[in-house]
Amino acid sequence: MRHLIIATAVGGSALLAAVPVSAQTQPAASPPSAPPPFATTKVEGTDNVYIFRYQGHQSMFVVTPDGVIATDPIGLGRPQAVTTYIDEIKKVTSQPIKYVIYSHSHYDHITGGKPFKDLGARFIAHKNAKAQLERLQPPNIVLPDEVVDSKHTLTLGGTTLELLYVGRNHSDNSLVMRLPKERIIFAVDFIPVQSLFWRSMPDSWLDEWEASLKRVLAMDWDKLIPGHPGPGGRLGNKQDVENLLQYMADLAVEVKKVADEGKCYDTAMKEVKLPKYESWGNYGIWLAGNVERYCYLYRSGF
């Protein structure tokens, strides 16, 4: 190795130091590149069911010989997610996108569907979702072409998809999408996988939420695709639904105690802890909000 001789003054004397040339010319290491904000994966054990994830949201799409059934556009504040979603579908199949199905009316999941509409897709949602959207007229959300009441069966290219309404929970218009042959359901926001509910659970019906979860448990399925990735990206199962019901029961008991002591809202939000669920996603940031929601139930009756 060649060396560069550097003169250094120390106490008025010049010293010579041998420094490797490579140490002088070696470029700084580049920082690792960030992973892409999206991914498309085929659900294990299926030939035609895919998950498109963009950042913290995800949707299901189903490929058939006669076309594609897509779900939530997930384009709020990021129109590039929608065009990426369509591009990812086109990487899988040349079949046209026939349908886009809304899981429920909340904007973070259903904003941005116009590029799908421009391709000729028909939009489907629960009837309450359409009524809500017609009333609020949010920008950048395509109004549904068709609505579902309690149940609708969609058949395309030999694939059957059931659209099922199980009652009010995270909204009054959430649909469960069930693929009977593949034994898969897609359900968004009202069945988080090993995670607490979002913040203070706005737009929710606690007294009916548990009943809707029990209806989901009574269905025939093995895998749950949630609207937000589970830990490590894993899918949910029936045990996750059982665990969620137990979380709701445990939370209700603890909040009822402090409500009876007159501690709702602020004191309860600080005092109630559920160590059993500390390992769940968002425990540290959303538990207080979940407590607040149950305080509304026991303190105000709604």
Protein backbone atom coordinates (compact mmCIF):
# COMPACT_ATOMS: atom_id res chain seq x y z
CA MET A 1 0.00 0.00 0.00
CA ARG A 2 1.34 3.45 -0.91
CA HIS A 3 1.56 6.01 1.91
CA LEU A 4 1.23 9.79 1.92
CA ILE A 5 3.86 11.60 4.02
CA ILE A 6 2.28 14.42 6.05
CA ALA A 7 4.41 16.98 7.90
CA THR A 8 3.03 17.91 11.31
CA ALA A 9 4.41 20.65 13.56
CA VAL A 10 4.81 19.59 17.16
CA GLY A 11 6.58 21.93 19.60
CA GLY A 12 8.28 23.75 16.70
CA SER A 13 9.60 20.53 15.16
CA ALA A 14 8.30 18.94 12.00
CA LEU A 15 7.28 15.32 12.27
CA LEU A 16 6.55 13.07 9.38
CA ALA A 17 3.55 10.75 9.62
CA ALA A 18 2.80 7.94 7.27
CA VAL A 19 -0.90 7.79 6.42
CA PRO A 20 -2.38 5.25 4.02
CA VAL A 21 -3.44 6.93 0.79
CA SER A 22 -6.59 4.82 0.74
CA ALA A 23 -7.66 6.38 4.04
CA GLN A 24 -7.44 9.80 2.41
CA THR A 25 -9.36 8.95 -0.75
CA GLN A 26 -11.96 6.37 0.36
CA PRO A 27 -15.45 7.80 -0.32
CA ALA A 28 -17.93 7.89 2.52
CA ALA A 29 -20.27 4.91 2.66
CA SER A 30 -23.68 5.59 1.17
CA PRO A 31 -26.60 5.30 3.58
CA PRO A 32 -28.80 2.27 2.96
CA SER A 33 -31.62 2.98 0.56
CA ALA A 34 -35.10 3.18 2.07
CA PRO A 35 -37.43 0.29 1.26
CA PRO A 36 -40.23 1.10 -1.19
CA PRO A 37 -43.45 2.31 0.46
CA PHE A 38 -45.50 -0.42 -1.19
CA ALA A 39 -45.56 -4.17 -1.72
CA THR A 40 -47.78 -6.66 -3.50
CA THR A 41 -47.94 -10.23 -2.23
CA LYS A 42 -49.95 -13.29 -3.18
CA VAL A 43 -51.80 -14.84 -0.26
CA GLU A 44 -50.17 -18.17 0.53
CA GLY A 45 -52.20 -21.17 -0.58
CA THR A 46 -54.11 -19.26 -3.27
CA ASP A 47 -53.63 -18.75 -6.98
CA ASN A 48 -55.52 -15.51 -7.35
CA VAL A 49 -55.75 -13.50 -4.10
CA TYR A 50 -53.32 -10.62 -3.56
CA ILE A 51 -52.61 -7.94 -0.98
CA PHE A 52 -51.50 -4.49 -2.07
CA ARG A 53 -49.89 -2.54 0.79
CA TYR A 54 -49.00 1.13 0.64
CA GLN A 55 -47.35 2.41 3.82
CA GLY A 56 -49.71 1.55 6.68
CA HIS A 57 -52.79 0.66 4.61
CA GLN A 58 -53.57 -2.40 2.54
CA SER A 59 -56.23 -3.71 0.19
CA MET A 60 -57.15 -7.05 -1.34
CA PHE A 61 -57.55 -7.76 -5.02
CA VAL A 62 -58.72 -10.95 -6.70
CA VAL A 63 -57.69 -11.98 -10.21
CA THR A 64 -60.02 -14.08 -12.37
CA PRO A 65 -60.03 -15.11 -16.06
CA ASP A 66 -62.77 -12.54 -16.69
CA GLY A 67 -61.38 -9.60 -14.77
CA VAL A 68 -60.17 -8.24 -11.44
CA ILE A 69 -62.08 -7.44 -8.27
CA ALA A 70 -60.24 -4.71 -6.38
CA THR A 71 -61.00 -3.12 -3.02
CA ASP A 72 -60.23 0.17 -1.23
CA PRO A 73 -58.11 2.63 -3.31
CA ILE A 74 -56.27 3.91 -0.15
CA GLY A 75 -55.32 7.18 -1.84
CA LEU A 76 -55.95 9.83 0.85
CA GLY A 77 -53.15 12.40 0.63
CA ARG A 78 -51.15 10.17 -1.71
CA PRO A 79 -52.62 9.88 -5.22
CA GLN A 80 -49.49 7.99 -6.24
CA ALA A 81 -50.72 5.06 -4.14
CA VAL A 82 -53.70 4.63 -6.46
CA THR A 83 -51.70 4.66 -9.67
CA THR A 84 -49.16 2.34 -8.07
CA TYR A 85 -51.98 0.01 -7.04
CA ILE A 86 -53.22 -0.15 -10.64
CA ASP A 87 -49.68 -0.66 -11.96
CA GLU A 88 -49.18 -3.54 -9.52
CA ILE A 89 -52.39 -5.20 -10.70
CA LYS A 90 -51.22 -4.85 -14.30
CA LYS A 91 -47.97 -6.63 -13.40
CA VAL A 92 -50.05 -9.63 -12.33
CA THR A 93 -52.66 -9.75 -15.09
CA SER A 94 -53.78 -8.11 -18.30
CA GLN A 95 -57.43 -8.65 -17.35
CA PRO A 96 -59.52 -5.48 -16.85
CA ILE A 97 -60.44 -4.21 -13.39
CA LYS A 98 -64.17 -4.86 -13.23
CA TYR A 99 -65.07 -3.85 -9.68
CA VAL A 100 -63.83 -1.76 -6.77
CA ILE A 101 -65.50 -2.58 -3.45
CA TYR A 102 -65.41 -0.19 -0.50
CA SER A 103 -64.87 -1.78 2.90
CA HIS A 104 -66.61 1.18 4.60
CA SER A 105 -67.00 4.92 4.22
CA HIS A 106 -63.89 6.23 5.99
CA TYR A 107 -61.81 8.40 3.72
CA ASP A 108 -58.36 6.99 4.48
CA HIS A 109 -59.43 3.75 2.81
CA ILE A 110 -61.62 4.87 -0.09
CA THR A 111 -60.19 8.16 -1.38
CA GLY A 112 -58.76 8.34 -4.89
CA GLY A 113 -60.72 5.85 -6.97
CA LYS A 114 -61.06 7.94 -10.13
CA PRO A 115 -58.22 6.17 -12.01
CA PHE A 116 -60.10 2.89 -11.44
CA LYS A 117 -63.32 4.51 -12.63
CA ASP A 118 -61.58 5.82 -15.74
CA LEU A 119 -60.68 2.21 -16.55
CA GLY A 120 -64.34 1.21 -16.42
CA ALA A 121 -64.59 -0.30 -12.94
CA ARG A 122 -67.93 -0.34 -11.14
CA PHE A 123 -67.92 0.69 -7.49
CA ILE A 124 -69.83 -1.19 -4.79
CA ALA A 125 -70.44 -0.27 -1.13
CA HIS A 126 -72.94 -0.79 1.66
CA LYS A 127 -76.07 1.31 1.26
CA ASN A 128 -75.26 3.31 4.41
CA ALA A 129 -71.84 4.16 2.98
CA LYS A 130 -73.40 5.58 -0.16
CA ALA A 131 -75.89 7.62 1.87
CA GLN A 132 -73.04 9.01 3.98
CA LEU A 133 -70.96 9.93 0.95
CA GLU A 134 -73.90 11.56 -0.80
CA ARG A 135 -74.57 13.64 2.29
CA LEU A 136 -70.97 14.77 2.88
CA GLN A 137 -69.82 15.02 -0.76
CA PRO A 138 -66.12 14.46 0.04
CA PRO A 139 -63.66 15.37 -2.71
CA ASN A 140 -61.78 12.68 -4.61
CA ILE A 141 -64.11 9.85 -3.63
CA VAL A 142 -66.08 8.02 -6.32
CA LEU A 143 -69.70 7.44 -5.37
CA PRO A 144 -70.79 3.78 -5.49
CA ASP A 145 -72.63 2.53 -8.56
CA GLU A 146 -74.20 -0.36 -6.65
CA VAL A 147 -75.11 -0.89 -3.00
CA VAL A 148 -75.34 -3.85 -0.65
CA ASP A 149 -77.95 -4.26 2.08
CA SER A 150 -77.36 -7.36 4.22
CA LYS A 151 -75.69 -9.64 1.65
CA HIS A 152 -74.65 -9.70 -1.97
CA THR A 153 -72.81 -12.42 -3.88
CA LEU A 154 -70.50 -11.38 -6.68
CA THR A 155 -69.38 -14.00 -9.20
CA LEU A 156 -66.68 -13.29 -11.76
CA GLY A 157 -64.62 -15.73 -13.81
CA GLY A 158 -65.49 -18.68 -11.61
CA THR A 159 -64.65 -16.86 -8.36
CA THR A 160 -67.33 -16.18 -5.77
CA LEU A 161 -67.03 -13.24 -3.38
CA GLU A 162 -69.63 -12.66 -0.68
CA LEU A 163 -70.24 -9.12 0.57
CA LEU A 164 -71.68 -9.38 4.07
CA TYR A 165 -73.00 -6.79 6.50
CA VAL A 166 -72.56 -7.89 10.11
CA GLY A 167 -73.97 -4.82 11.87
CA ARG A 168 -72.59 -1.59 13.25
CA ASN A 169 -69.09 -1.54 14.72
CA HIS A 170 -66.28 0.78 13.61
CA SER A 171 -68.87 2.30 11.27
CA ASP A 172 -72.48 1.63 10.35
CA ASN A 173 -71.49 0.43 6.89
CA SER A 174 -68.56 -1.99 7.19
CA LEU A 175 -68.61 -4.94 4.80
CA VAL A 176 -66.93 -8.28 5.32
CA MET A 177 -65.75 -9.70 2.01
CA ARG A 178 -65.56 -13.49 2.09
CA LEU A 179 -64.03 -15.83 -0.46
CA PRO A 180 -65.70 -19.17 0.36
CA LYS A 181 -63.44 -21.38 -1.75
CA GLU A 182 -60.24 -19.73 -0.55
CA ARG A 183 -61.54 -19.46 3.05
CA ILE A 184 -60.39 -15.84 3.29
CA ILE A 185 -62.10 -12.71 4.57
CA PHE A 186 -61.16 -9.06 4.10
CA ALA A 187 -62.40 -6.86 6.95
CA VAL A 188 -61.14 -3.36 7.65
CA ASP A 189 -60.60 -1.46 10.90
CA PHE A 190 -63.15 -3.21 13.11
CA ILE A 191 -60.92 -6.29 13.51
CA PRO A 192 -57.36 -5.03 14.09
CA VAL A 193 -54.89 -7.90 14.29
CA GLN A 194 -53.10 -7.92 17.66
CA SER A 195 -53.49 -4.17 17.96
CA LEU A 196 -55.57 -1.74 19.95
CA PHE A 197 -58.37 0.21 18.33
CA TRP A 198 -57.53 3.52 16.69
CA ARG A 199 -57.37 6.42 19.15
CA SER A 200 -60.77 7.09 20.80
CA MET A 201 -62.67 4.86 18.38
CA PRO A 202 -64.72 7.60 16.65
CA ASP A 203 -67.83 6.73 14.65
CA SER A 204 -68.33 3.53 16.65
CA TRP A 205 -71.13 1.52 18.25
CA LEU A 206 -69.62 -0.34 21.20
CA ASP A 207 -72.78 -2.17 22.21
CA GLU A 208 -73.08 -3.68 18.72
CA TRP A 209 -69.38 -4.11 17.91
CA GLU A 210 -69.00 -7.28 19.95
CA ALA A 211 -72.08 -8.80 18.32
CA SER A 212 -70.63 -8.11 14.88
CA LEU A 213 -67.37 -9.82 15.84
CA LYS A 214 -69.30 -12.88 16.97
CA ARG A 215 -71.07 -12.98 13.62
CA VAL A 216 -67.68 -12.97 11.91
CA LEU A 217 -66.52 -15.83 14.13
CA ALA A 218 -69.57 -17.84 13.07
CA MET A 219 -68.54 -17.63 9.41
CA ASP A 220 -66.44 -20.28 7.69
CA TRP A 221 -62.94 -18.89 7.08
CA ASP A 222 -59.30 -19.40 8.01
CA LYS A 223 -57.43 -16.21 7.09
CA LEU A 224 -58.25 -12.56 7.71
CA ILE A 225 -56.73 -9.81 5.58
CA PRO A 226 -56.93 -6.63 7.69
CA GLY A 227 -56.96 -3.08 6.35
CA HIS A 228 -53.73 -2.34 8.23
CA PRO A 229 -50.91 -4.90 8.39
CA GLY A 230 -50.71 -7.11 11.45
CA PRO A 231 -47.43 -7.62 13.35
CA GLY A 232 -44.73 -8.50 10.85
CA GLY A 233 -47.34 -8.27 8.11
CA ARG A 234 -49.08 -11.45 9.24
CA LEU A 235 -52.70 -12.20 8.49
CA GLY A 236 -55.29 -12.71 11.17
CA ASN A 237 -57.18 -15.81 12.25
CA LYS A 238 -60.14 -16.67 14.43
CA GLN A 239 -58.00 -16.66 17.55
CA ASP A 240 -57.23 -13.00 16.87
CA VAL A 241 -60.95 -12.26 16.85
CA GLU A 242 -61.40 -14.17 20.11
CA ASN A 243 -58.51 -12.20 21.61
CA LEU A 244 -60.04 -8.92 20.48
CA LEU A 245 -63.34 -9.80 22.11
CA GLN A 246 -61.47 -10.58 25.32
CA TYR A 247 -59.64 -7.25 25.13
CA MET A 248 -62.96 -5.43 24.81
CA ALA A 249 -64.36 -7.34 27.79
CA ASP A 250 -61.29 -6.65 29.94
CA LEU A 251 -61.26 -2.98 28.99
CA ALA A 252 -64.97 -2.64 29.74
CA VAL A 253 -64.52 -4.10 33.23
CA GLU A 254 -61.64 -1.78 34.12
CA VAL A 255 -63.28 1.35 32.75
CA LYS A 256 -66.58 0.55 34.48
CA LYS A 257 -64.72 0.46 37.81
CA VAL A 258 -63.17 3.89 37.40
CA ALA A 259 -66.37 5.32 35.92
CA ASP A 260 -68.25 4.23 39.04
CA GLU A 261 -65.59 6.05 41.09
CA GLY A 262 -66.18 9.24 39.13
CA LYS A 263 -62.77 9.19 37.44
CA CYS A 264 -63.89 9.51 33.85
CA TYR A 265 -62.48 11.06 31.73
CA ASP A 266 -58.96 12.41 32.28
CA THR A 267 -58.07 10.49 35.44
CA ALA A 268 -59.35 7.24 34.00
CA MET A 269 -57.32 7.78 30.84
CA LYS A 270 -54.18 8.06 32.97
CA GLU A 271 -54.92 5.31 35.49
CA VAL A 272 -56.35 2.40 33.51
CA LYS A 273 -53.65 -0.03 32.39
CA LEU A 274 -53.99 -3.46 30.85
CA PRO A 275 -50.54 -5.11 31.15
CA LYS A 276 -51.85 -8.26 29.49
CA TYR A 277 -51.95 -6.33 26.20
CA GLU A 278 -48.70 -4.37 26.45
CA SER A 279 -47.21 -6.34 23.56
CA TRP A 280 -50.03 -5.38 21.22
CA GLY A 281 -49.54 -2.77 18.56
CA ASN A 282 -50.18 0.85 19.56
CA TYR A 283 -50.71 0.01 23.23
CA GLY A 284 -48.63 2.95 24.40
CA ILE A 285 -50.30 5.54 22.20
CA TRP A 286 -53.92 4.39 21.85
CA LEU A 287 -54.88 2.82 25.18
CA ALA A 288 -55.87 6.17 26.68
CA GLY A 289 -58.14 6.87 23.72
CA ASN A 290 -59.75 3.44 24.00
CA VAL A 291 -60.37 4.15 27.69
CA GLU A 292 -61.92 7.49 26.78
CA ARG A 293 -64.35 5.79 24.39
CA TYR A 294 -65.54 3.38 27.08
CA CYS A 295 -65.84 6.30 29.49
CA TYR A 296 -68.34 7.85 27.09
CA LEU A 297 -70.34 4.63 27.26
CA TYR A 298 -70.39 4.37 31.05
CA ARG A 299 -70.48 8.08 31.85
CA SER A 300 -72.74 9.39 29.08
CA GLY A 301 -74.53 6.32 27.73
CA PHE A 302 -73.28 6.33 24.15
